[in-house]
Amino acid sequence: MTEYSEILLDVADGVATVTLNRPDRLNAFTTTMLRELVAAFDATDADDDVRVVLVTGAGRGFCAGADLARGGSTFDATDETRAAERTDFETVGGVPRDGGGIVSLRIAASLKPVIVAVNGPAVGVGATMILPADIRLAAESARFGFVFARRGLVPEAASSWFLPRVVGISKAMEWVATGRVFPAAEALAGGLVSQVVPDAELLATARSIAAEIVENTSAVSVALSRRMLWSMLGASTPWEAHGVDSGAIFRLGQAPDAVEGVTSFLEKRPPKFPGRVGDYVDVVPAWPTRPADMP
């Protein structure tokens, strides 16, 4: 069993709750947190009893961005201390992979649906890492900021792909170009989050959505649907979706979950889906995948 020092992982009632756990630093992002988040999503993918992953932060913040304790060298990949921490990182285009991107692409590849409950400031990587989540909720006290231009940087964590698809290019550029921190109400109006709720109701709201998924749906159906919807954002024609749909319907139409779904409906009773996600991961290709020609 993996030991965690900067996150918490708890599994109960089909829901895995991942909590960023550096409350004294507003859950600022570190290389250790990066590794632990990847390990947590590896664990939830491997556990067929996990139906939904819920991500939130400990204390009064979600994630205040990268830990800036190293000062001006914080983002310098040639800094000896930083380089030593990341000696095992793969490269992309001949340079070390961006740490935020490692996390966001791992979340994007999750087999299980991901709900994020933003309980306070979500700035920098704290804002970009949530973009691959399927459902984003915010407490009234939450604040968001794509502050990179104010730090002499550019958006990371593959957010130049995710953010315009989530909120549209105009709103994405407004937030990125100004680098300002904005309130939860603006995040809701811009489509970054789907609900804003009182702080005291945030986790209960997130858990209610998770419970609805756990109690009423096929784990296999939800997992494969997640892959299909996200991967088709990059499709050039609906025929690509038609091909994936057709293959999935062909396979699942013969599977026990489809039988149970129809039978339980006709018998007017709650369904008890027997399917295990691990048995059907080949039905829809994994996403996102690294292109074969990417160095």
C-alpha atoms as a PDB file:
ATOM      1  CA  MET A   1       0.000   0.000   0.000  1.00  0.00           C
ATOM      2  CA  THR A   2       1.331   3.435  -0.972  1.00  0.00           C
ATOM      3  CA  GLU A   3       2.183   5.794   1.878  1.00  0.00           C
ATOM      4  CA  TYR A   4       1.241   9.416   1.256  1.00  0.00           C
ATOM      5  CA  SER A   5       2.706  12.489   2.938  1.00  0.00           C
ATOM      6  CA  GLU A   6       1.157  15.388   0.995  1.00  0.00           C
ATOM      7  CA  ILE A   7      -2.220  13.950   0.011  1.00  0.00           C
ATOM      8  CA  LEU A   8      -4.821  11.754   1.683  1.00  0.00           C
ATOM      9  CA  LEU A   9      -6.624   8.891  -0.054  1.00  0.00           C
ATOM     10  CA  ASP A  10      -9.796   7.462   1.453  1.00  0.00           C
ATOM     11  CA  VAL A  11     -12.181   4.986  -0.173  1.00  0.00           C
ATOM     12  CA  ALA A  12     -15.733   4.514   1.088  1.00  0.00           C
ATOM     13  CA  ASP A  13     -19.066   3.638  -0.544  1.00  0.00           C
ATOM     14  CA  GLY A  14     -17.542   3.457  -4.003  1.00  0.00           C
ATOM     15  CA  VAL A  15     -15.979   6.937  -3.785  1.00  0.00           C
ATOM     16  CA  ALA A  16     -12.252   7.579  -3.532  1.00  0.00           C
ATOM     17  CA  THR A  17     -11.593  10.953  -1.911  1.00  0.00           C
ATOM     18  CA  VAL A  18      -8.212  12.480  -2.748  1.00  0.00           C
ATOM     19  CA  THR A  19      -7.372  15.421  -0.491  1.00  0.00           C
ATOM     20  CA  LEU A  20      -4.442  17.734  -1.152  1.00  0.00           C
ATOM     21  CA  ASN A  21      -2.925  17.860   2.320  1.00  0.00           C
ATOM     22  CA  ARG A  22      -0.507  20.720   2.909  1.00  0.00           C
ATOM     23  CA  PRO A  23      -2.976  23.066   4.623  1.00  0.00           C
ATOM     24  CA  ASP A  24      -0.233  25.166   6.219  1.00  0.00           C
ATOM     25  CA  ARG A  25       0.910  26.067   2.683  1.00  0.00           C
ATOM     26  CA  LEU A  26      -2.578  26.309   1.148  1.00  0.00           C
ATOM     27  CA  ASN A  27      -1.795  22.926  -0.442  1.00  0.00           C
ATOM     28  CA  ALA A  28       0.922  24.424  -2.637  1.00  0.00           C
ATOM     29  CA  PHE A  29       2.085  22.014  -5.338  1.00  0.00           C
ATOM     30  CA  THR A  30       5.392  20.153  -4.991  1.00  0.00           C
ATOM     31  CA  THR A  31       7.153  17.325  -6.795  1.00  0.00           C
ATOM     32  CA  THR A  32       6.142  15.051  -3.926  1.00  0.00           C
ATOM     33  CA  MET A  33       2.480  15.980  -4.362  1.00  0.00           C
ATOM     34  CA  LEU A  34       2.829  15.383  -8.104  1.00  0.00           C
ATOM     35  CA  ARG A  35       4.113  11.848  -7.566  1.00  0.00           C
ATOM     36  CA  GLU A  36       1.479  11.083  -4.942  1.00  0.00           C
ATOM     37  CA  LEU A  37      -1.386  12.297  -7.132  1.00  0.00           C
ATOM     38  CA  VAL A  38      -0.213  10.073  -9.987  1.00  0.00           C
ATOM     39  CA  ALA A  39       0.065   7.135  -7.572  1.00  0.00           C
ATOM     40  CA  ALA A  40      -3.426   7.816  -6.215  1.00  0.00           C
ATOM     41  CA  PHE A  41      -4.982   7.764  -9.691  1.00  0.00           C
ATOM     42  CA  ASP A  42      -3.062   4.585 -10.489  1.00  0.00           C
ATOM     43  CA  ALA A  43      -4.595   3.074  -7.353  1.00  0.00           C
ATOM     44  CA  THR A  44      -8.158   4.188  -8.106  1.00  0.00           C
ATOM     45  CA  ASP A  45      -7.931   2.901 -11.668  1.00  0.00           C
ATOM     46  CA  ALA A  46      -6.786  -0.502 -10.396  1.00  0.00           C
ATOM     47  CA  ASP A  47      -9.587  -0.799  -7.817  1.00  0.00           C
ATOM     48  CA  ASP A  48     -12.857  -1.914  -9.405  1.00  0.00           C
ATOM     49  CA  ASP A  49     -14.670  -1.029  -6.173  1.00  0.00           C
ATOM     50  CA  VAL A  50     -13.910   2.652  -6.828  1.00  0.00           C
ATOM     51  CA  ARG A  51     -16.631   4.190  -8.976  1.00  0.00           C
ATOM     52  CA  VAL A  52     -15.885   7.916  -8.615  1.00  0.00           C
ATOM     53  CA  VAL A  53     -12.829   9.969  -7.636  1.00  0.00           C
ATOM     54  CA  LEU A  54     -13.464  13.139  -5.622  1.00  0.00           C
ATOM     55  CA  VAL A  55     -10.605  15.658  -5.308  1.00  0.00           C
ATOM     56  CA  THR A  56     -10.550  18.485  -2.786  1.00  0.00           C
ATOM     57  CA  GLY A  57      -8.163  20.383  -0.510  1.00  0.00           C
ATOM     58  CA  ALA A  58      -7.489  20.337   3.213  1.00  0.00           C
ATOM     59  CA  GLY A  59      -8.004  23.490   5.240  1.00  0.00           C
ATOM     60  CA  ARG A  60      -9.051  26.802   3.715  1.00  0.00           C
ATOM     61  CA  GLY A  61      -7.555  26.370   0.258  1.00  0.00           C
ATOM     62  CA  PHE A  62      -7.670  24.005  -2.680  1.00  0.00           C
ATOM     63  CA  CYS A  63      -4.202  24.661  -4.131  1.00  0.00           C
ATOM     64  CA  ALA A  64      -2.352  27.969  -4.121  1.00  0.00           C
ATOM     65  CA  GLY A  65      -0.210  26.959  -7.100  1.00  0.00           C
ATOM     66  CA  ALA A  66       3.420  25.900  -7.139  1.00  0.00           C
ATOM     67  CA  ASP A  67       5.321  26.139  -3.872  1.00  0.00           C
ATOM     68  CA  LEU A  68       7.507  29.222  -4.349  1.00  0.00           C
ATOM     69  CA  ALA A  69       9.839  28.509  -1.423  1.00  0.00           C
ATOM     70  CA  ARG A  70      12.873  28.385  -3.746  1.00  0.00           C
ATOM     71  CA  GLY A  71      12.285  31.948  -4.877  1.00  0.00           C
ATOM     72  CA  GLY A  72      13.425  33.008  -8.321  1.00  0.00           C
ATOM     73  CA  SER A  73      14.721  29.550  -9.259  1.00  0.00           C
ATOM     74  CA  THR A  74      11.392  27.858  -8.561  1.00  0.00           C
ATOM     75  CA  PHE A  75      10.663  27.145 -12.226  1.00  0.00           C
ATOM     76  CA  ASP A  76      14.251  26.750 -13.477  1.00  0.00           C
ATOM     77  CA  ALA A  77      14.588  23.129 -14.614  1.00  0.00           C
ATOM     78  CA  THR A  78      18.388  23.510 -14.680  1.00  0.00           C
ATOM     79  CA  ASP A  79      18.510  24.383 -10.970  1.00  0.00           C
ATOM     80  CA  GLU A  80      20.503  21.564  -9.321  1.00  0.00           C
ATOM     81  CA  THR A  81      18.039  20.919  -6.524  1.00  0.00           C
ATOM     82  CA  ARG A  82      15.024  20.942  -8.819  1.00  0.00           C
ATOM     83  CA  ALA A  83      16.773  18.776 -11.397  1.00  0.00           C
ATOM     84  CA  ALA A  84      17.794  16.256  -8.747  1.00  0.00           C
ATOM     85  CA  GLU A  85      14.162  15.878  -7.665  1.00  0.00           C
ATOM     86  CA  ARG A  86      13.095  15.031 -11.199  1.00  0.00           C
ATOM     87  CA  THR A  87      15.859  12.821 -12.548  1.00  0.00           C
ATOM     88  CA  ASP A  88      13.333  10.127 -13.453  1.00  0.00           C
ATOM     89  CA  PHE A  89      11.054  12.467 -15.423  1.00  0.00           C
ATOM     90  CA  GLU A  90      10.574  11.609 -19.074  1.00  0.00           C
ATOM     91  CA  THR A  91      11.272  14.262 -21.677  1.00  0.00           C
ATOM     92  CA  VAL A  92       9.033  15.689 -24.373  1.00  0.00           C
ATOM     93  CA  GLY A  93      10.510  17.622 -27.278  1.00  0.00           C
ATOM     94  CA  GLY A  94      13.928  17.144 -25.684  1.00  0.00           C
ATOM     95  CA  VAL A  95      13.106  18.877 -22.382  1.00  0.00           C
ATOM     96  CA  PRO A  96      11.824  17.543 -19.044  1.00  0.00           C
ATOM     97  CA  ARG A  97       8.054  17.103 -18.939  1.00  0.00           C
ATOM     98  CA  ASP A  98       6.122  19.827 -17.142  1.00  0.00           C
ATOM     99  CA  GLY A  99       5.060  18.529 -13.733  1.00  0.00           C
ATOM    100  CA  GLY A 100       1.577  20.000 -13.888  1.00  0.00           C
ATOM    101  CA  GLY A 101       1.082  18.323 -17.238  1.00  0.00           C
ATOM    102  CA  ILE A 102       2.074  14.964 -15.800  1.00  0.00           C
ATOM    103  CA  VAL A 103      -0.718  15.317 -13.235  1.00  0.00           C
ATOM    104  CA  SER A 104      -3.373  16.743 -15.554  1.00  0.00           C
ATOM    105  CA  LEU A 105      -2.764  14.101 -18.225  1.00  0.00           C
ATOM    106  CA  ARG A 106      -2.951  11.394 -15.571  1.00  0.00           C
ATOM    107  CA  ILE A 107      -6.288  12.784 -14.392  1.00  0.00           C
ATOM    108  CA  ALA A 108      -7.434  12.953 -18.014  1.00  0.00           C
ATOM    109  CA  ALA A 109      -6.589   9.254 -18.402  1.00  0.00           C
ATOM    110  CA  SER A 110      -8.580   8.232 -15.306  1.00  0.00           C
ATOM    111  CA  LEU A 111     -10.897   5.287 -15.888  1.00  0.00           C
ATOM    112  CA  LYS A 112     -13.262   6.632 -13.242  1.00  0.00           C
ATOM    113  CA  PRO A 113     -15.185   9.925 -13.427  1.00  0.00           C
ATOM    114  CA  VAL A 114     -13.528  12.751 -11.523  1.00  0.00           C
ATOM    115  CA  ILE A 115     -15.335  15.363  -9.419  1.00  0.00           C
ATOM    116  CA  VAL A 116     -13.381  18.323  -8.063  1.00  0.00           C
ATOM    117  CA  ALA A 117     -14.673  20.275  -5.067  1.00  0.00           C
ATOM    118  CA  VAL A 118     -12.773  23.580  -4.986  1.00  0.00           C
ATOM    119  CA  ASN A 119     -12.895  24.706  -1.379  1.00  0.00           C
ATOM    120  CA  GLY A 120     -10.797  27.859  -1.555  1.00  0.00           C
ATOM    121  CA  PRO A 121      -8.056  29.454  -3.679  1.00  0.00           C
ATOM    122  CA  ALA A 122      -7.192  27.502  -6.840  1.00  0.00           C
ATOM    123  CA  VAL A 123      -4.391  29.387  -8.547  1.00  0.00           C
ATOM    124  CA  GLY A 124      -1.770  28.471 -11.127  1.00  0.00           C
ATOM    125  CA  VAL A 125      -1.468  24.705 -11.249  1.00  0.00           C
ATOM    126  CA  GLY A 126      -4.310  24.640  -8.714  1.00  0.00           C
ATOM    127  CA  ALA A 127      -6.544  25.972 -11.493  1.00  0.00           C
ATOM    128  CA  THR A 128      -5.064  24.066 -14.425  1.00  0.00           C
ATOM    129  CA  MET A 129      -4.973  20.607 -12.844  1.00  0.00           C
ATOM    130  CA  ILE A 130      -8.761  20.635 -12.402  1.00  0.00           C
ATOM    131  CA  LEU A 131      -9.525  21.146 -16.092  1.00  0.00           C
ATOM    132  CA  PRO A 132      -9.522  17.419 -17.009  1.00  0.00           C
ATOM    133  CA  ALA A 133     -12.058  16.720 -14.239  1.00  0.00           C
ATOM    134  CA  ASP A 134     -15.547  15.814 -15.385  1.00  0.00           C
ATOM    135  CA  ILE A 135     -17.478  17.862 -12.826  1.00  0.00           C
ATOM    136  CA  ARG A 136     -16.088  20.945 -11.080  1.00  0.00           C
ATOM    137  CA  LEU A 137     -17.879  22.466  -8.085  1.00  0.00           C
ATOM    138  CA  ALA A 138     -16.846  25.522  -6.111  1.00  0.00           C
ATOM    139  CA  ALA A 139     -17.464  26.850  -2.644  1.00  0.00           C
ATOM    140  CA  GLU A 140     -18.571  30.473  -2.437  1.00  0.00           C
ATOM    141  CA  SER A 141     -15.166  31.321  -0.969  1.00  0.00           C
ATOM    142  CA  ALA A 142     -13.269  29.763  -3.898  1.00  0.00           C
ATOM    143  CA  ARG A 143     -11.025  31.940  -6.028  1.00  0.00           C
ATOM    144  CA  PHE A 144      -9.392  31.069  -9.328  1.00  0.00           C
ATOM    145  CA  GLY A 145      -6.432  32.456 -11.219  1.00  0.00           C
ATOM    146  CA  PHE A 146      -4.473  31.585 -14.330  1.00  0.00           C
ATOM    147  CA  VAL A 147      -1.714  33.864 -13.102  1.00  0.00           C
ATOM    148  CA  PHE A 148       1.167  32.695 -15.291  1.00  0.00           C
ATOM    149  CA  ALA A 149       1.661  35.919 -17.256  1.00  0.00           C
ATOM    150  CA  ARG A 150       2.108  37.742 -13.942  1.00  0.00           C
ATOM    151  CA  ARG A 151       4.974  35.362 -13.104  1.00  0.00           C
ATOM    152  CA  GLY A 152       6.696  35.529 -16.495  1.00  0.00           C
ATOM    153  CA  LEU A 153       5.406  32.116 -17.520  1.00  0.00           C
ATOM    154  CA  VAL A 154       2.774  30.561 -19.782  1.00  0.00           C
ATOM    155  CA  PRO A 155      -0.131  28.254 -18.878  1.00  0.00           C
ATOM    156  CA  GLU A 156       1.045  24.698 -18.196  1.00  0.00           C
ATOM    157  CA  ALA A 157      -0.563  21.327 -17.416  1.00  0.00           C
ATOM    158  CA  ALA A 158      -1.768  21.041 -21.025  1.00  0.00           C
ATOM    159  CA  SER A 159      -4.226  23.823 -20.175  1.00  0.00           C
ATOM    160  CA  SER A 160      -3.774  25.479 -23.576  1.00  0.00           C
ATOM    161  CA  TRP A 161      -5.679  22.421 -24.882  1.00  0.00           C
ATOM    162  CA  PHE A 162      -8.136  21.969 -22.015  1.00  0.00           C
ATOM    163  CA  LEU A 163      -9.101  25.531 -21.030  1.00  0.00           C
ATOM    164  CA  PRO A 164     -10.480  26.760 -24.393  1.00  0.00           C
ATOM    165  CA  ARG A 165     -12.456  23.529 -24.716  1.00  0.00           C
ATOM    166  CA  VAL A 166     -13.950  23.991 -21.258  1.00  0.00           C
ATOM    167  CA  VAL A 167     -14.776  27.717 -21.363  1.00  0.00           C
ATOM    168  CA  GLY A 168     -14.227  28.866 -24.964  1.00  0.00           C
ATOM    169  CA  ILE A 169     -11.262  30.711 -26.440  1.00  0.00           C
ATOM    170  CA  SER A 170     -12.414  34.255 -25.623  1.00  0.00           C
ATOM    171  CA  LYS A 171     -12.947  33.656 -21.911  1.00  0.00           C
ATOM    172  CA  ALA A 172      -9.794  31.546 -21.737  1.00  0.00           C
ATOM    173  CA  MET A 173      -7.700  34.366 -23.211  1.00  0.00           C
ATOM    174  CA  GLU A 174      -9.300  36.968 -20.954  1.00  0.00           C
ATOM    175  CA  TRP A 175      -8.328  35.012 -17.858  1.00  0.00           C
ATOM    176  CA  VAL A 176      -4.877  34.054 -19.156  1.00  0.00           C
ATOM    177  CA  ALA A 177      -3.926  37.469 -20.576  1.00  0.00           C
ATOM    178  CA  THR A 178      -4.931  39.399 -17.451  1.00  0.00           C
ATOM    179  CA  GLY A 179      -3.668  36.773 -15.017  1.00  0.00           C
ATOM    180  CA  ARG A 180      -6.130  38.109 -12.485  1.00  0.00           C
ATOM    181  CA  VAL A 181      -7.688  36.159  -9.634  1.00  0.00           C
ATOM    182  CA  PHE A 182     -11.459  35.986  -9.929  1.00  0.00           C
ATOM    183  CA  PRO A 183     -14.315  34.823  -7.683  1.00  0.00           C
ATOM    184  CA  ALA A 184     -16.413  31.680  -7.842  1.00  0.00           C
ATOM    185  CA  ALA A 185     -19.378  33.557  -9.323  1.00  0.00           C
ATOM    186  CA  GLU A 186     -17.285  34.534 -12.354  1.00  0.00           C
ATOM    187  CA  ALA A 187     -16.013  30.963 -12.688  1.00  0.00           C
ATOM    188  CA  LEU A 188     -19.634  29.803 -12.783  1.00  0.00           C
ATOM    189  CA  ALA A 189     -20.678  32.409 -15.359  1.00  0.00           C
ATOM    190  CA  GLY A 190     -17.693  31.474 -17.531  1.00  0.00           C
ATOM    191  CA  GLY A 191     -18.385  27.750 -17.394  1.00  0.00           C
ATOM    192  CA  LEU A 192     -15.287  26.787 -15.408  1.00  0.00           C
ATOM    193  CA  VAL A 193     -17.481  25.264 -12.686  1.00  0.00           C
ATOM    194  CA  SER A 194     -21.018  23.906 -12.882  1.00  0.00           C
ATOM    195  CA  GLN A 195     -22.195  24.891  -9.394  1.00  0.00           C
ATOM    196  CA  VAL A 196     -21.278  27.325  -6.628  1.00  0.00           C
ATOM    197  CA  VAL A 197     -22.553  26.346  -3.202  1.00  0.00           C
ATOM    198  CA  PRO A 198     -22.118  27.603   0.364  1.00  0.00           C
ATOM    199  CA  ASP A 199     -18.811  26.478   1.824  1.00  0.00           C
ATOM    200  CA  ALA A 200     -20.476  24.231   4.395  1.00  0.00           C
ATOM    201  CA  GLU A 201     -22.394  22.391   1.651  1.00  0.00           C
ATOM    202  CA  LEU A 202     -19.546  21.802  -0.806  1.00  0.00           C
ATOM    203  CA  LEU A 203     -18.491  18.280   0.110  1.00  0.00           C
ATOM    204  CA  ALA A 204     -22.054  17.139   0.729  1.00  0.00           C
ATOM    205  CA  THR A 205     -23.021  18.385  -2.755  1.00  0.00           C
ATOM    206  CA  ALA A 206     -20.057  16.620  -4.345  1.00  0.00           C
ATOM    207  CA  ARG A 207     -20.780  13.409  -2.472  1.00  0.00           C
ATOM    208  CA  SER A 208     -24.437  13.552  -3.493  1.00  0.00           C
ATOM    209  CA  ILE A 209     -23.449  13.653  -7.172  1.00  0.00           C
ATOM    210  CA  ALA A 210     -20.971  10.826  -6.609  1.00  0.00           C
ATOM    211  CA  ALA A 211     -23.631   8.749  -4.847  1.00  0.00           C
ATOM    212  CA  GLU A 212     -26.042   9.245  -7.740  1.00  0.00           C
ATOM    213  CA  ILE A 213     -23.426   7.798 -10.069  1.00  0.00           C
ATOM    214  CA  VAL A 214     -22.569   4.911  -7.752  1.00  0.00           C
ATOM    215  CA  GLU A 215     -26.167   3.909  -7.036  1.00  0.00           C
ATOM    216  CA  ASN A 216     -27.753   4.223 -10.469  1.00  0.00           C
ATOM    217  CA  THR A 217     -25.244   3.570 -13.227  1.00  0.00           C
ATOM    218  CA  SER A 218     -23.076   0.868 -14.716  1.00  0.00           C
ATOM    219  CA  ALA A 219     -19.427   1.350 -13.793  1.00  0.00           C
ATOM    220  CA  VAL A 220     -18.443   0.026 -17.214  1.00  0.00           C
ATOM    221  CA  SER A 221     -20.799   2.395 -19.036  1.00  0.00           C
ATOM    222  CA  VAL A 222     -19.559   5.456 -17.151  1.00  0.00           C
ATOM    223  CA  ALA A 223     -15.883   4.601 -17.591  1.00  0.00           C
ATOM    224  CA  LEU A 224     -16.192   4.013 -21.323  1.00  0.00           C
ATOM    225  CA  SER A 225     -18.456   7.049 -21.787  1.00  0.00           C
ATOM    226  CA  ARG A 226     -15.809   9.201 -20.104  1.00  0.00           C
ATOM    227  CA  ARG A 227     -13.181   8.046 -22.574  1.00  0.00           C
ATOM    228  CA  MET A 228     -15.503   8.558 -25.519  1.00  0.00           C
ATOM    229  CA  LEU A 229     -16.640  12.079 -24.670  1.00  0.00           C
ATOM    230  CA  TRP A 230     -13.182  13.442 -23.877  1.00  0.00           C
ATOM    231  CA  SER A 231     -11.419  11.780 -26.805  1.00  0.00           C
ATOM    232  CA  MET A 232     -14.011  12.983 -29.288  1.00  0.00           C
ATOM    233  CA  LEU A 233     -13.246  16.622 -28.413  1.00  0.00           C
ATOM    234  CA  GLY A 234     -10.335  16.277 -30.803  1.00  0.00           C
ATOM    235  CA  ALA A 235     -12.145  14.345 -33.532  1.00  0.00           C
ATOM    236  CA  SER A 236     -12.247  15.960 -36.959  1.00  0.00           C
ATOM    237  CA  THR A 237     -15.570  14.402 -37.994  1.00  0.00           C
ATOM    238  CA  PRO A 238     -18.586  12.774 -36.283  1.00  0.00           C
ATOM    239  CA  TRP A 239     -17.741   9.616 -38.226  1.00  0.00           C
ATOM    240  CA  GLU A 240     -14.896   9.038 -35.772  1.00  0.00           C
ATOM    241  CA  ALA A 241     -17.432   9.083 -32.950  1.00  0.00           C
ATOM    242  CA  HIS A 242     -19.744   6.857 -34.953  1.00  0.00           C
ATOM    243  CA  GLY A 243     -17.007   4.257 -35.294  1.00  0.00           C
ATOM    244  CA  VAL A 244     -16.216   4.271 -31.571  1.00  0.00           C
ATOM    245  CA  ASP A 245     -19.919   4.266 -30.643  1.00  0.00           C
ATOM    246  CA  SER A 246     -20.663   1.342 -32.918  1.00  0.00           C
ATOM    247  CA  GLY A 247     -17.864  -0.802 -31.520  1.00  0.00           C
ATOM    248  CA  ALA A 248     -18.828  -0.049 -27.919  1.00  0.00           C
ATOM    249  CA  ILE A 249     -22.539  -0.678 -28.463  1.00  0.00           C
ATOM    250  CA  PHE A 250     -21.732  -3.961 -30.210  1.00  0.00           C
ATOM    251  CA  ARG A 251     -19.661  -5.177 -27.253  1.00  0.00           C
ATOM    252  CA  LEU A 252     -21.770  -3.838 -24.413  1.00  0.00           C
ATOM    253  CA  GLY A 253     -25.038  -4.889 -26.031  1.00  0.00           C
ATOM    254  CA  GLN A 254     -23.973  -8.489 -25.405  1.00  0.00           C
ATOM    255  CA  ALA A 255     -22.739  -7.860 -21.860  1.00  0.00           C
ATOM    256  CA  PRO A 256     -24.487  -8.569 -18.532  1.00  0.00           C
ATOM    257  CA  ASP A 257     -24.838  -4.884 -17.649  1.00  0.00           C
ATOM    258  CA  ALA A 258     -27.092  -4.228 -20.657  1.00  0.00           C
ATOM    259  CA  VAL A 259     -29.255  -7.171 -19.675  1.00  0.00           C
ATOM    260  CA  GLU A 260     -29.488  -5.899 -16.105  1.00  0.00           C
ATOM    261  CA  GLY A 261     -30.165  -2.329 -17.205  1.00  0.00           C
ATOM    262  CA  VAL A 262     -33.172  -3.318 -19.290  1.00  0.00           C
ATOM    263  CA  THR A 263     -34.438  -5.979 -16.887  1.00  0.00           C
ATOM    264  CA  SER A 264     -34.287  -3.728 -13.827  1.00  0.00           C
ATOM    265  CA  PHE A 265     -36.123  -0.981 -15.742  1.00  0.00           C
ATOM    266  CA  LEU A 266     -38.895  -3.347 -16.797  1.00  0.00           C
ATOM    267  CA  GLU A 267     -39.134  -4.788 -13.295  1.00  0.00           C
ATOM    268  CA  LYS A 268     -39.178  -1.265 -11.789  1.00  0.00           C
ATOM    269  CA  ARG A 269     -36.354  -1.944  -9.339  1.00  0.00           C
ATOM    270  CA  PRO A 270     -32.890  -0.447  -8.739  1.00  0.00           C
ATOM    271  CA  PRO A 271     -30.223  -1.999 -10.971  1.00  0.00           C
ATOM    272  CA  LYS A 272     -27.408  -4.197  -9.697  1.00  0.00           C
ATOM    273  CA  PHE A 273     -24.829  -4.024 -12.455  1.00  0.00           C
ATOM    274  CA  PRO A 274     -22.328  -6.916 -12.318  1.00  0.00           C
ATOM    275  CA  GLY A 275     -19.762  -5.567 -14.804  1.00  0.00           C
ATOM    276  CA  ARG A 276     -16.212  -4.711 -13.727  1.00  0.00           C
ATOM    277  CA  VAL A 277     -14.409  -1.891 -15.487  1.00  0.00           C
ATOM    278  CA  GLY A 278     -11.188  -3.857 -15.681  1.00  0.00           C
ATOM    279  CA  ASP A 279     -12.852  -6.429 -17.926  1.00  0.00           C
ATOM    280  CA  TYR A 280     -13.821  -3.887 -20.599  1.00  0.00           C
ATOM    281  CA  VAL A 281     -10.922  -1.437 -20.860  1.00  0.00           C
ATOM    282  CA  ASP A 282     -10.205  -2.604 -24.402  1.00  0.00           C
ATOM    283  CA  VAL A 283     -13.636  -1.613 -25.738  1.00  0.00           C
ATOM    284  CA  VAL A 284     -12.713   2.072 -26.140  1.00  0.00           C
ATOM    285  CA  PRO A 285      -9.055   3.023 -26.771  1.00  0.00           C
ATOM    286  CA  ALA A 286      -7.202   4.647 -23.883  1.00  0.00           C
ATOM    287  CA  TRP A 287      -7.055   8.456 -23.909  1.00  0.00           C
ATOM    288  CA  PRO A 288      -5.015  10.608 -24.079  1.00  0.00           C
ATOM    289  CA  THR A 289      -2.215   8.696 -25.767  1.00  0.00           C
ATOM    290  CA  ARG A 290       1.207  10.054 -26.585  1.00  0.00           C
ATOM    291  CA  PRO A 291       1.686  10.240 -30.375  1.00  0.00           C
ATOM    292  CA  ALA A 292       4.212   7.753 -31.669  1.00  0.00           C
ATOM    293  CA  ASP A 293       6.149  10.507 -33.442  1.00  0.00           C
ATOM    294  CA  MET A 294       6.430  12.769 -30.373  1.00  0.00           C
ATOM    295  CA  PRO A 295      10.086  12.796 -29.189  1.00  0.00           C
END
